[in-house]
Amino acid sequence: MSILNSTHRFVVTENVLVKQYASWDRGEHVREWTVLSALPASVPDLVPQVIESGLDTDPPWLAMTVLPGEPLSGRLDGPRLDALEVALRRLWSAPVGSLPPRRFDPAYCCAEVRRRLAESARPPGVAGDAFDAALGLPPLPSSAAGQVVGHGDPNLANYLWDGVRVRVVDFEDAGSSDVAYELGTLVEHLSARELDADVFCARFADLGVDAGRLRLARLWWAAFWLHLLLPGGPAVRRNPPGTLEVQAVRLLALIG
């Protein structure tokens, strides 16, 4: 079976999935191969296992095991929330080793979001108020104690539910990170809008998550999505009318 999405082509044969990259200018294929090669031994059956690779071909490709399950989406019930928590804890328990920092690390996120906003036209109304507030956000420190393996792209569609447990796919942006930043990235993703962010984050209180850092991470990722939803932005066509204003209200509420 061959599947083509907006980014890559997937060919599935029995228990093997071949991922052919449509774009790889950021080294997505190398990063995903590096992270997946390092993970399976410490978190068996949580992430795909790389079988073979063609990193130097055009296009590059990875052959990996197929994981069972359907993508998470919408409002998650108790069993799905519990399974997502378990999956994240397992991922964060894996040794980081020599993995590079995840893509869009805190320092880059702050600088890039601020640059993109500064180069964009200010929208009217509440979106303009949020736009101004985002430009004034304080920076987020680049590092924090307790480094973990960060997924980097926590679209709920990348978490597969098989009725019992959740497994994780798509590691093109993965690398070393910290729990507060990863939680902020996840709960502010547009796919997680029906997730009670505060309640879900509280599940990880035993990990000693810095509340101030988590709030800043959420603010910067809320600002990131605000930018993508600006008129003409890449997220506009994939979301219903009014999403920009909803995002603006969310960002302003986070600022308080």
Protein backbone atom coordinates (compact mmCIF):
# COMPACT_ATOMS: atom_id res chain seq x y z
CA MET A 1 0.00 0.00 0.00
CA SER A 2 1.33 3.45 -0.96
CA ILE A 3 0.27 6.61 0.88
CA LEU A 4 1.22 10.15 -0.14
CA ASN A 5 0.69 13.04 2.26
CA SER A 6 1.68 16.70 2.03
CA THR A 7 5.22 15.96 3.15
CA HIS A 8 6.28 12.39 2.41
CA ARG A 9 5.40 9.13 0.68
CA PHE A 10 4.80 5.98 2.72
CA VAL A 11 4.88 2.47 1.33
CA VAL A 12 3.55 -0.24 3.65
CA THR A 13 4.23 -3.93 3.01
CA GLU A 14 3.07 -6.32 5.74
CA ASN A 15 4.95 -5.17 8.86
CA VAL A 16 7.41 -2.79 7.17
CA LEU A 17 6.87 0.88 6.38
CA VAL A 18 9.19 2.69 3.98
CA LYS A 19 9.19 6.46 4.46
CA GLN A 20 10.41 8.41 1.42
CA TYR A 21 11.15 12.05 2.21
CA ALA A 22 9.71 14.70 -0.09
CA SER A 23 11.90 17.34 1.55
CA TRP A 24 15.05 16.88 3.58
CA ASP A 25 16.84 20.22 3.51
CA ARG A 26 16.82 20.37 7.32
CA GLY A 27 18.32 16.91 7.62
CA GLU A 28 15.01 15.45 8.72
CA HIS A 29 15.96 11.97 7.50
CA VAL A 30 19.26 11.91 9.37
CA ARG A 31 17.70 13.22 12.59
CA GLU A 32 14.88 10.67 12.49
CA TRP A 33 17.33 7.83 11.75
CA THR A 34 19.62 9.00 14.58
CA VAL A 35 16.86 9.21 17.19
CA LEU A 36 15.07 6.00 16.20
CA SER A 37 18.36 4.11 16.12
CA ALA A 38 19.07 5.21 19.69
CA LEU A 39 15.65 4.60 21.25
CA PRO A 40 14.21 1.07 20.76
CA ALA A 41 16.52 -0.73 23.20
CA SER A 42 15.50 1.52 26.10
CA VAL A 43 11.81 1.89 25.20
CA PRO A 44 10.87 -1.31 23.33
CA ASP A 45 7.60 -1.27 21.42
CA LEU A 46 7.08 2.48 21.94
CA VAL A 47 8.60 3.81 18.71
CA PRO A 48 9.31 2.33 15.27
CA GLN A 49 12.47 0.27 14.87
CA VAL A 50 14.66 1.19 11.91
CA ILE A 51 15.30 -1.80 9.66
CA GLU A 52 17.21 -0.26 6.76
CA SER A 53 18.02 3.19 5.40
CA GLY A 54 18.95 5.05 2.27
CA LEU A 55 20.15 8.30 3.76
CA ASP A 56 22.27 9.27 0.77
CA THR A 57 19.76 8.46 -1.98
CA ASP A 58 17.49 10.93 -3.78
CA PRO A 59 15.00 10.94 -2.19
CA PRO A 60 16.32 9.53 1.09
CA TRP A 61 14.27 6.86 2.82
CA LEU A 62 13.93 4.85 6.01
CA ALA A 63 12.45 1.38 6.36
CA MET A 64 10.94 0.80 9.80
CA THR A 65 8.53 -1.45 11.65
CA VAL A 66 4.82 -0.67 11.45
CA LEU A 67 3.19 0.26 14.76
CA PRO A 68 -0.44 -0.64 15.43
CA GLY A 69 -3.12 1.88 16.33
CA GLU A 70 -5.13 4.86 15.16
CA PRO A 71 -4.05 8.51 15.54
CA LEU A 72 -5.35 10.34 18.58
CA SER A 73 -7.61 13.30 17.89
CA GLY A 74 -10.30 15.49 19.40
CA ARG A 75 -11.44 15.12 23.01
CA LEU A 76 -9.55 12.28 24.64
CA ASP A 77 -11.29 10.04 27.15
CA GLY A 78 -9.71 8.75 30.36
CA PRO A 79 -8.04 5.62 28.93
CA ARG A 80 -6.50 7.58 26.05
CA LEU A 81 -5.23 10.31 28.38
CA ASP A 82 -3.75 7.70 30.70
CA ALA A 83 -2.08 5.92 27.78
CA LEU A 84 -0.69 9.19 26.40
CA GLU A 85 0.77 10.00 29.81
CA VAL A 86 2.38 6.57 30.03
CA ALA A 87 3.85 6.92 26.54
CA LEU A 88 5.35 10.32 27.32
CA ARG A 89 6.80 9.11 30.61
CA ARG A 90 8.38 6.14 28.84
CA LEU A 91 9.87 8.38 26.16
CA TRP A 92 11.22 10.79 28.76
CA SER A 93 12.74 7.92 30.71
CA ALA A 94 15.02 6.99 27.80
CA PRO A 95 18.67 8.06 28.07
CA VAL A 96 19.46 11.14 25.99
CA GLY A 97 23.02 10.11 25.30
CA SER A 98 24.60 12.19 22.53
CA LEU A 99 21.37 13.19 20.78
CA PRO A 100 21.42 16.74 19.41
CA PRO A 101 18.99 19.34 20.76
CA ARG A 102 15.52 18.96 19.31
CA ARG A 103 14.66 21.14 16.34
CA PHE A 104 13.06 24.46 17.27
CA ASP A 105 14.79 24.44 20.63
CA PRO A 106 13.86 27.25 23.07
CA ALA A 107 16.40 29.83 21.92
CA TYR A 108 15.63 29.27 18.26
CA CYS A 109 11.88 29.26 18.92
CA CYS A 110 11.99 32.67 20.62
CA ALA A 111 14.19 34.25 17.97
CA GLU A 112 12.34 32.73 15.03
CA VAL A 113 8.82 33.49 16.26
CA ARG A 114 9.79 37.07 17.07
CA ARG A 115 11.42 37.47 13.64
CA ARG A 116 8.43 36.03 11.80
CA LEU A 117 6.00 38.25 13.67
CA ALA A 118 8.14 41.34 13.07
CA GLU A 119 8.06 40.60 9.34
CA SER A 120 4.27 40.05 9.29
CA ALA A 121 1.43 42.55 8.97
CA ARG A 122 -0.38 43.25 12.23
CA PRO A 123 -3.98 41.97 12.04
CA PRO A 124 -6.94 43.96 13.37
CA GLY A 125 -9.02 43.32 16.47
CA VAL A 126 -8.19 40.84 19.19
CA ALA A 127 -5.67 39.14 16.90
CA GLY A 128 -3.76 42.42 16.75
CA ASP A 129 -3.77 42.66 20.55
CA ALA A 130 -2.33 39.14 20.77
CA PHE A 131 0.17 39.98 18.01
CA ASP A 132 1.46 42.94 20.07
CA ALA A 133 1.61 40.84 23.23
CA ALA A 134 3.56 38.09 21.47
CA LEU A 135 6.19 40.56 20.32
CA GLY A 136 6.72 41.54 23.96
CA LEU A 137 7.15 38.04 25.40
CA PRO A 138 10.22 37.53 27.60
CA PRO A 139 12.84 35.07 26.33
CA LEU A 140 12.83 31.42 27.34
CA PRO A 141 16.19 30.11 28.62
CA SER A 142 17.87 27.62 26.34
CA SER A 143 18.50 24.90 28.87
CA ALA A 144 16.99 23.40 31.96
CA ALA A 145 17.87 20.63 34.37
CA GLY A 146 16.69 17.09 33.71
CA GLN A 147 17.22 16.63 29.99
CA VAL A 148 14.92 14.16 28.23
CA VAL A 149 14.31 12.87 24.72
CA GLY A 150 11.89 15.36 23.20
CA HIS A 151 9.49 14.24 20.48
CA GLY A 152 9.56 17.66 18.82
CA ASP A 153 6.33 17.29 16.82
CA PRO A 154 3.48 16.47 19.23
CA ASN A 155 0.62 16.59 16.77
CA LEU A 156 -1.87 14.18 18.35
CA ALA A 157 -1.93 12.35 15.02
CA ASN A 158 1.61 11.17 15.82
CA TYR A 159 0.36 9.23 18.86
CA LEU A 160 -1.21 5.90 17.90
CA TRP A 161 -3.86 4.32 20.16
CA ASP A 162 -4.47 0.57 19.82
CA GLY A 163 -7.23 0.38 22.42
CA VAL A 164 -4.82 -0.28 25.27
CA ARG A 165 -1.67 1.79 24.82
CA VAL A 166 -0.19 4.68 22.87
CA ARG A 167 2.88 4.48 20.66
CA VAL A 168 4.79 7.38 19.09
CA VAL A 169 5.81 8.08 15.48
CA ASP A 170 7.45 10.88 13.47
CA PHE A 171 10.81 11.82 14.95
CA GLU A 172 12.05 14.25 12.29
CA ASP A 173 12.34 17.08 14.85
CA ALA A 174 13.26 15.01 17.92
CA GLY A 175 16.28 15.43 20.17
CA SER A 176 17.29 16.42 23.67
CA SER A 177 14.89 18.72 25.48
CA ASP A 178 13.24 19.15 28.89
CA VAL A 179 9.83 18.16 30.22
CA ALA A 180 8.45 21.68 30.66
CA TYR A 181 9.28 22.63 27.09
CA GLU A 182 7.88 19.38 25.68
CA LEU A 183 4.64 19.75 27.64
CA GLY A 184 4.28 23.34 26.47
CA THR A 185 4.82 22.27 22.87
CA LEU A 186 2.22 19.51 23.15
CA VAL A 187 -0.64 21.27 24.94
CA GLU A 188 -0.38 24.36 22.71
CA HIS A 189 -0.45 22.37 19.48
CA LEU A 190 -3.63 23.10 17.54
CA SER A 191 -4.47 19.39 17.52
CA ALA A 192 -4.72 19.47 21.33
CA ARG A 193 -7.34 22.23 21.57
CA GLU A 194 -9.87 19.91 23.23
CA LEU A 195 -7.31 18.82 25.81
CA ASP A 196 -7.58 20.42 29.27
CA ALA A 197 -4.01 21.69 29.25
CA ASP A 198 -3.74 22.59 32.94
CA VAL A 199 -5.16 19.26 34.10
CA PHE A 200 -2.97 17.27 31.74
CA CYS A 201 0.20 19.12 32.72
CA ALA A 202 -0.63 18.54 36.40
CA ARG A 203 -0.28 14.80 35.77
CA PHE A 204 3.49 15.34 35.60
CA ALA A 205 3.87 17.36 38.81
CA ASP A 206 5.96 14.57 40.34
CA LEU A 207 8.64 15.23 37.72
CA GLY A 208 9.37 18.61 39.26
CA VAL A 209 8.23 20.63 36.25
CA ASP A 210 9.14 24.30 36.61
CA ALA A 211 5.77 26.10 36.46
CA GLY A 212 7.30 29.35 35.24
CA ARG A 213 9.20 27.63 32.45
CA LEU A 214 6.12 25.65 31.44
CA ARG A 215 4.05 28.84 31.23
CA LEU A 216 6.72 30.53 29.09
CA ALA A 217 6.95 27.50 26.81
CA ARG A 218 3.19 27.55 26.35
CA LEU A 219 3.23 31.27 25.61
CA TRP A 220 5.89 30.94 22.92
CA TRP A 221 4.16 28.02 21.25
CA ALA A 222 0.83 29.81 21.40
CA ALA A 223 2.59 32.71 19.67
CA PHE A 224 4.06 30.31 17.11
CA TRP A 225 0.58 29.12 16.16
CA LEU A 226 -0.74 32.68 16.14
CA HIS A 227 1.83 33.49 13.47
CA LEU A 228 0.92 30.43 11.37
CA LEU A 229 -2.75 31.46 11.50
CA LEU A 230 -2.21 35.04 10.32
CA PRO A 231 -3.88 35.88 6.98
CA GLY A 232 -2.05 33.98 4.26
CA GLY A 233 -0.26 31.79 6.78
CA PRO A 234 0.36 28.08 6.23
CA ALA A 235 -2.18 26.96 8.88
CA VAL A 236 -5.10 29.06 7.61
CA ARG A 237 -6.39 26.62 5.00
CA ARG A 238 -6.28 23.67 7.39
CA ASN A 239 -8.41 25.33 10.06
CA PRO A 240 -11.95 26.74 10.13
CA PRO A 241 -12.64 30.50 9.92
CA GLY A 242 -12.22 32.22 13.26
CA THR A 243 -9.34 30.01 14.44
CA LEU A 244 -7.00 33.02 14.46
CA GLU A 245 -9.28 34.89 16.85
CA VAL A 246 -9.67 31.82 19.07
CA GLN A 247 -5.89 31.48 19.17
CA ALA A 248 -5.53 35.16 20.01
CA VAL A 249 -7.90 34.85 22.94
CA ARG A 250 -6.02 31.78 24.15
CA LEU A 251 -2.66 33.58 24.03
CA LEU A 252 -4.00 36.64 25.85
CA ALA A 253 -5.58 34.43 28.52
CA LEU A 254 -2.23 32.68 29.06
CA ILE A 255 -0.55 36.06 29.49
CA GLY A 256 -3.24 37.02 32.02
